[in-house]
Amino acid sequence: MFENIESSVTKWLIGIGLSNDNSVIVSDFVTFTVLVLLSLITYFITKKILLSAIHHATKKSKTQWDDILSNRKFFRTLSYFVPAYIIYAFTPVVLEPYPDVVSIIRIGLTIYMIMVALMAANAFLNAVSDIYQDFSIAKSRPIKGYIQVIKIIVYMIGIIIILANLF
């Protein structure tokens, strides 16, 4: 699909008088822009349709834990992976002649996806804490301190992974 877009744009640019080399460069980045727009469209579809369906299903279910996960925006946070993964997966195909650009984009997207994973882990741990508060044992054995220690460990691991990707 992206090759068809790229060849059509290249032919059109050559037709309007751009040199072959310049038209290939411009068409590659136009194709990348189309990829970014498609990923944004999939994000909005995910957000509107899938998250609405999940929200509706959690409200109808008899369990409370899914409502708490929904209220803590765990599922919404996971939806941020969709556009990033699409761009991550297809950038090497779209920008094949530019390996350095692909590398920079993929490093940036990896860092973004790690940050999204950290936000999702935070939302999940907050939900676990909220769910635990509903149990009677929570009054005599609180887990808030344990949850905070786990969050610190998760964030430290995330920072180490981000730094490893930068270097």
C-alpha atoms as a PDB file:
ATOM      1  CA  MET A   1       0.000   0.000   0.000  1.00  0.00           C
ATOM      2  CA  PHE A   2       2.736   2.453   0.977  1.00  0.00           C
ATOM      3  CA  GLU A   3       4.710   1.600  -2.146  1.00  0.00           C
ATOM      4  CA  ASN A   4       1.690   2.526  -4.287  1.00  0.00           C
ATOM      5  CA  ILE A   5       1.352   5.856  -2.492  1.00  0.00           C
ATOM      6  CA  GLU A   6       5.060   6.507  -2.848  1.00  0.00           C
ATOM      7  CA  SER A   7       5.186   5.680  -6.572  1.00  0.00           C
ATOM      8  CA  SER A   8       2.072   7.758  -7.305  1.00  0.00           C
ATOM      9  CA  VAL A   9       3.459  10.791  -5.470  1.00  0.00           C
ATOM     10  CA  THR A  10       6.833  10.370  -7.179  1.00  0.00           C
ATOM     11  CA  LYS A  11       5.223  10.240 -10.638  1.00  0.00           C
ATOM     12  CA  TRP A  12       3.109  13.285  -9.840  1.00  0.00           C
ATOM     13  CA  LEU A  13       6.108  15.263  -8.554  1.00  0.00           C
ATOM     14  CA  ILE A  14       8.163  14.376 -11.634  1.00  0.00           C
ATOM     15  CA  GLY A  15       5.170  15.398 -13.751  1.00  0.00           C
ATOM     16  CA  ILE A  16       5.108  18.869 -12.192  1.00  0.00           C
ATOM     17  CA  GLY A  17       8.804  19.377 -12.882  1.00  0.00           C
ATOM     18  CA  LEU A  18      10.703  18.178  -9.796  1.00  0.00           C
ATOM     19  CA  SER A  19      13.906  16.241 -10.429  1.00  0.00           C
ATOM     20  CA  ASN A  20      13.843  12.487  -9.930  1.00  0.00           C
ATOM     21  CA  ASP A  21      16.059  12.585  -6.806  1.00  0.00           C
ATOM     22  CA  ASN A  22      14.068  15.348  -5.145  1.00  0.00           C
ATOM     23  CA  SER A  23      10.741  13.750  -6.017  1.00  0.00           C
ATOM     24  CA  VAL A  24      11.823  10.461  -4.398  1.00  0.00           C
ATOM     25  CA  ILE A  25      12.839  12.248  -1.194  1.00  0.00           C
ATOM     26  CA  VAL A  26       9.632  14.279  -1.032  1.00  0.00           C
ATOM     27  CA  SER A  27       7.471  11.254  -1.808  1.00  0.00           C
ATOM     28  CA  ASP A  28       9.167   9.220   0.942  1.00  0.00           C
ATOM     29  CA  PHE A  29       8.336  11.845   3.530  1.00  0.00           C
ATOM     30  CA  VAL A  30       4.815  12.346   2.164  1.00  0.00           C
ATOM     31  CA  THR A  31       4.323   8.599   2.552  1.00  0.00           C
ATOM     32  CA  PHE A  32       5.641   8.814   6.125  1.00  0.00           C
ATOM     33  CA  THR A  33       3.161  11.628   6.798  1.00  0.00           C
ATOM     34  CA  VAL A  34       0.367   9.384   5.476  1.00  0.00           C
ATOM     35  CA  LEU A  35       1.583   6.676   7.874  1.00  0.00           C
ATOM     36  CA  VAL A  36       1.428   9.094  10.800  1.00  0.00           C
ATOM     37  CA  LEU A  37      -2.080  10.200   9.785  1.00  0.00           C
ATOM     38  CA  LEU A  38      -3.229   6.577   9.496  1.00  0.00           C
ATOM     39  CA  SER A  39      -1.850   5.830  12.941  1.00  0.00           C
ATOM     40  CA  LEU A  40      -3.723   8.829  14.361  1.00  0.00           C
ATOM     41  CA  ILE A  41      -6.918   7.631  12.688  1.00  0.00           C
ATOM     42  CA  THR A  42      -6.467   4.192  14.258  1.00  0.00           C
ATOM     43  CA  TYR A  43      -5.915   5.868  17.617  1.00  0.00           C
ATOM     44  CA  PHE A  44      -9.184   7.790  17.348  1.00  0.00           C
ATOM     45  CA  ILE A  45     -10.992   4.639  16.210  1.00  0.00           C
ATOM     46  CA  THR A  46      -9.512   2.758  19.154  1.00  0.00           C
ATOM     47  CA  LYS A  47     -10.427   5.555  21.522  1.00  0.00           C
ATOM     48  CA  LYS A  48     -13.982   6.021  20.294  1.00  0.00           C
ATOM     49  CA  ILE A  49     -15.044   2.473  19.460  1.00  0.00           C
ATOM     50  CA  LEU A  50     -12.900   0.091  21.479  1.00  0.00           C
ATOM     51  CA  LEU A  51     -12.697   2.176  24.643  1.00  0.00           C
ATOM     52  CA  SER A  52     -16.416   2.902  24.467  1.00  0.00           C
ATOM     53  CA  ALA A  53     -17.099  -0.824  24.175  1.00  0.00           C
ATOM     54  CA  ILE A  54     -14.780  -1.591  27.098  1.00  0.00           C
ATOM     55  CA  HIS A  55     -16.361   1.161  29.200  1.00  0.00           C
ATOM     56  CA  HIS A  56     -19.837  -0.132  28.367  1.00  0.00           C
ATOM     57  CA  ALA A  57     -18.832  -3.723  29.192  1.00  0.00           C
ATOM     58  CA  THR A  58     -17.294  -2.723  32.511  1.00  0.00           C
ATOM     59  CA  LYS A  59     -20.445  -0.873  33.539  1.00  0.00           C
ATOM     60  CA  LYS A  60     -22.623  -3.895  32.738  1.00  0.00           C
ATOM     61  CA  SER A  61     -20.444  -6.455  34.512  1.00  0.00           C
ATOM     62  CA  LYS A  62     -21.102  -7.405  38.107  1.00  0.00           C
ATOM     63  CA  THR A  63     -17.468  -7.222  39.173  1.00  0.00           C
ATOM     64  CA  GLN A  64     -15.969  -4.051  40.570  1.00  0.00           C
ATOM     65  CA  TRP A  65     -12.348  -4.558  39.562  1.00  0.00           C
ATOM     66  CA  ASP A  66     -12.982  -3.787  35.902  1.00  0.00           C
ATOM     67  CA  ASP A  67     -14.838  -0.607  36.858  1.00  0.00           C
ATOM     68  CA  ILE A  68     -11.887   0.455  38.978  1.00  0.00           C
ATOM     69  CA  LEU A  69      -9.442  -0.262  36.141  1.00  0.00           C
ATOM     70  CA  SER A  70     -11.634   1.795  33.840  1.00  0.00           C
ATOM     71  CA  ASN A  71     -11.918   4.657  36.349  1.00  0.00           C
ATOM     72  CA  ARG A  72      -8.146   4.677  36.794  1.00  0.00           C
ATOM     73  CA  LYS A  73      -7.858   5.057  32.988  1.00  0.00           C
ATOM     74  CA  PHE A  74      -5.841   1.862  32.596  1.00  0.00           C
ATOM     75  CA  PHE A  75      -7.510   0.944  29.296  1.00  0.00           C
ATOM     76  CA  ARG A  76      -7.235   4.487  27.940  1.00  0.00           C
ATOM     77  CA  THR A  77      -3.532   4.496  28.697  1.00  0.00           C
ATOM     78  CA  LEU A  78      -3.090   1.218  26.810  1.00  0.00           C
ATOM     79  CA  SER A  79      -4.756   2.805  23.773  1.00  0.00           C
ATOM     80  CA  TYR A  80      -1.740   5.123  23.436  1.00  0.00           C
ATOM     81  CA  PHE A  81       0.264   2.099  22.235  1.00  0.00           C
ATOM     82  CA  VAL A  82      -1.770   1.760  19.024  1.00  0.00           C
ATOM     83  CA  PRO A  83      -0.444   4.700  16.989  1.00  0.00           C
ATOM     84  CA  ALA A  84       3.083   4.327  18.303  1.00  0.00           C
ATOM     85  CA  TYR A  85       3.252   0.660  17.389  1.00  0.00           C
ATOM     86  CA  ILE A  86       1.867   1.264  13.902  1.00  0.00           C
ATOM     87  CA  ILE A  87       4.493   3.919  13.208  1.00  0.00           C
ATOM     88  CA  TYR A  88       7.184   1.736  14.812  1.00  0.00           C
ATOM     89  CA  ALA A  89       6.280  -1.269  12.671  1.00  0.00           C
ATOM     90  CA  PHE A  90       5.933   0.494   9.318  1.00  0.00           C
ATOM     91  CA  THR A  91       8.629   3.183   9.474  1.00  0.00           C
ATOM     92  CA  PRO A  92      11.371   0.820   8.213  1.00  0.00           C
ATOM     93  CA  VAL A  93       9.200  -0.014   5.194  1.00  0.00           C
ATOM     94  CA  VAL A  94       8.241   3.579   4.422  1.00  0.00           C
ATOM     95  CA  LEU A  95      11.635   5.166   5.047  1.00  0.00           C
ATOM     96  CA  GLU A  96      13.826   2.280   3.886  1.00  0.00           C
ATOM     97  CA  PRO A  97      16.412   4.507   2.123  1.00  0.00           C
ATOM     98  CA  TYR A  98      16.997   6.485   5.351  1.00  0.00           C
ATOM     99  CA  PRO A  99      18.239   4.036   8.020  1.00  0.00           C
ATOM    100  CA  ASP A 100      19.520   6.812  10.296  1.00  0.00           C
ATOM    101  CA  VAL A 101      16.128   8.548  10.316  1.00  0.00           C
ATOM    102  CA  VAL A 102      14.403   5.200  10.933  1.00  0.00           C
ATOM    103  CA  SER A 103      16.738   4.545  13.863  1.00  0.00           C
ATOM    104  CA  ILE A 104      16.038   7.928  15.462  1.00  0.00           C
ATOM    105  CA  ILE A 105      12.271   7.578  15.008  1.00  0.00           C
ATOM    106  CA  ARG A 106      12.288   4.045  16.427  1.00  0.00           C
ATOM    107  CA  ILE A 107      14.356   5.099  19.463  1.00  0.00           C
ATOM    108  CA  GLY A 108      11.911   7.949  20.121  1.00  0.00           C
ATOM    109  CA  LEU A 109       8.939   5.621  19.754  1.00  0.00           C
ATOM    110  CA  THR A 110      10.534   3.027  22.025  1.00  0.00           C
ATOM    111  CA  ILE A 111      10.993   5.660  24.723  1.00  0.00           C
ATOM    112  CA  TYR A 112       7.406   6.808  24.215  1.00  0.00           C
ATOM    113  CA  MET A 113       6.090   3.230  24.503  1.00  0.00           C
ATOM    114  CA  ILE A 114       8.147   2.648  27.669  1.00  0.00           C
ATOM    115  CA  MET A 115       6.631   5.804  29.166  1.00  0.00           C
ATOM    116  CA  VAL A 116       3.150   4.601  28.216  1.00  0.00           C
ATOM    117  CA  ALA A 117       3.925   1.241  29.843  1.00  0.00           C
ATOM    118  CA  LEU A 118       5.001   3.073  32.996  1.00  0.00           C
ATOM    119  CA  MET A 119       1.763   5.090  32.990  1.00  0.00           C
ATOM    120  CA  ALA A 120      -0.241   1.889  32.495  1.00  0.00           C
ATOM    121  CA  ALA A 121       1.643   0.188  35.335  1.00  0.00           C
ATOM    122  CA  ASN A 122       0.939   3.186  37.559  1.00  0.00           C
ATOM    123  CA  ALA A 123      -2.765   3.082  36.718  1.00  0.00           C
ATOM    124  CA  PHE A 124      -2.833  -0.684  37.305  1.00  0.00           C
ATOM    125  CA  LEU A 125      -1.103  -0.404  40.687  1.00  0.00           C
ATOM    126  CA  ASN A 126      -3.481   2.383  41.724  1.00  0.00           C
ATOM    127  CA  ALA A 127      -6.382   0.137  40.736  1.00  0.00           C
ATOM    128  CA  VAL A 128      -4.920  -2.756  42.757  1.00  0.00           C
ATOM    129  CA  SER A 129      -4.712  -0.450  45.752  1.00  0.00           C
ATOM    130  CA  ASP A 130      -8.321   0.669  45.259  1.00  0.00           C
ATOM    131  CA  ILE A 131      -9.521  -2.931  44.893  1.00  0.00           C
ATOM    132  CA  TYR A 132      -7.653  -3.967  48.027  1.00  0.00           C
ATOM    133  CA  GLN A 133      -9.292  -1.145  49.996  1.00  0.00           C
ATOM    134  CA  ASP A 134     -12.642  -2.885  49.508  1.00  0.00           C
ATOM    135  CA  PHE A 135     -11.496  -5.893  51.550  1.00  0.00           C
ATOM    136  CA  SER A 136     -11.960  -5.912  55.321  1.00  0.00           C
ATOM    137  CA  ILE A 137      -8.318  -6.900  55.880  1.00  0.00           C
ATOM    138  CA  ALA A 138      -7.245  -3.587  54.330  1.00  0.00           C
ATOM    139  CA  LYS A 139      -7.967  -1.761  57.593  1.00  0.00           C
ATOM    140  CA  SER A 140      -5.555  -3.902  59.610  1.00  0.00           C
ATOM    141  CA  ARG A 141      -2.998  -4.622  56.859  1.00  0.00           C
ATOM    142  CA  PRO A 142      -2.623  -1.670  54.484  1.00  0.00           C
ATOM    143  CA  ILE A 143      -0.606  -2.174  51.305  1.00  0.00           C
ATOM    144  CA  LYS A 144      -0.136   1.454  50.296  1.00  0.00           C
ATOM    145  CA  GLY A 145       3.552   1.364  51.272  1.00  0.00           C
ATOM    146  CA  TYR A 146       4.142  -1.824  49.293  1.00  0.00           C
ATOM    147  CA  ILE A 147       2.418  -0.335  46.261  1.00  0.00           C
ATOM    148  CA  GLN A 148       4.636   2.749  46.494  1.00  0.00           C
ATOM    149  CA  VAL A 149       7.781   0.606  46.706  1.00  0.00           C
ATOM    150  CA  ILE A 150       6.652  -1.376  43.654  1.00  0.00           C
ATOM    151  CA  LYS A 151       5.996   1.889  41.789  1.00  0.00           C
ATOM    152  CA  ILE A 152       9.498   3.140  42.622  1.00  0.00           C
ATOM    153  CA  ILE A 153      11.025  -0.113  41.394  1.00  0.00           C
ATOM    154  CA  VAL A 154       8.936  -0.047  38.195  1.00  0.00           C
ATOM    155  CA  TYR A 155       9.891   3.568  37.497  1.00  0.00           C
ATOM    156  CA  MET A 156      13.575   2.859  38.164  1.00  0.00           C
ATOM    157  CA  ILE A 157      13.492  -0.077  35.747  1.00  0.00           C
ATOM    158  CA  GLY A 158      11.705   2.118  33.196  1.00  0.00           C
ATOM    159  CA  ILE A 159      14.304   4.875  33.522  1.00  0.00           C
ATOM    160  CA  ILE A 160      17.127   2.354  33.131  1.00  0.00           C
ATOM    161  CA  ILE A 161      15.501   0.942  29.985  1.00  0.00           C
ATOM    162  CA  ILE A 162      14.993   4.464  28.583  1.00  0.00           C
ATOM    163  CA  LEU A 163      18.627   5.370  29.258  1.00  0.00           C
ATOM    164  CA  ALA A 164      19.767   2.090  27.683  1.00  0.00           C
ATOM    165  CA  ASN A 165      17.796   2.939  24.541  1.00  0.00           C
ATOM    166  CA  LEU A 166      19.305   6.413  24.399  1.00  0.00           C
ATOM    167  CA  PHE A 167      22.819   5.077  24.591  1.00  0.00           C
END
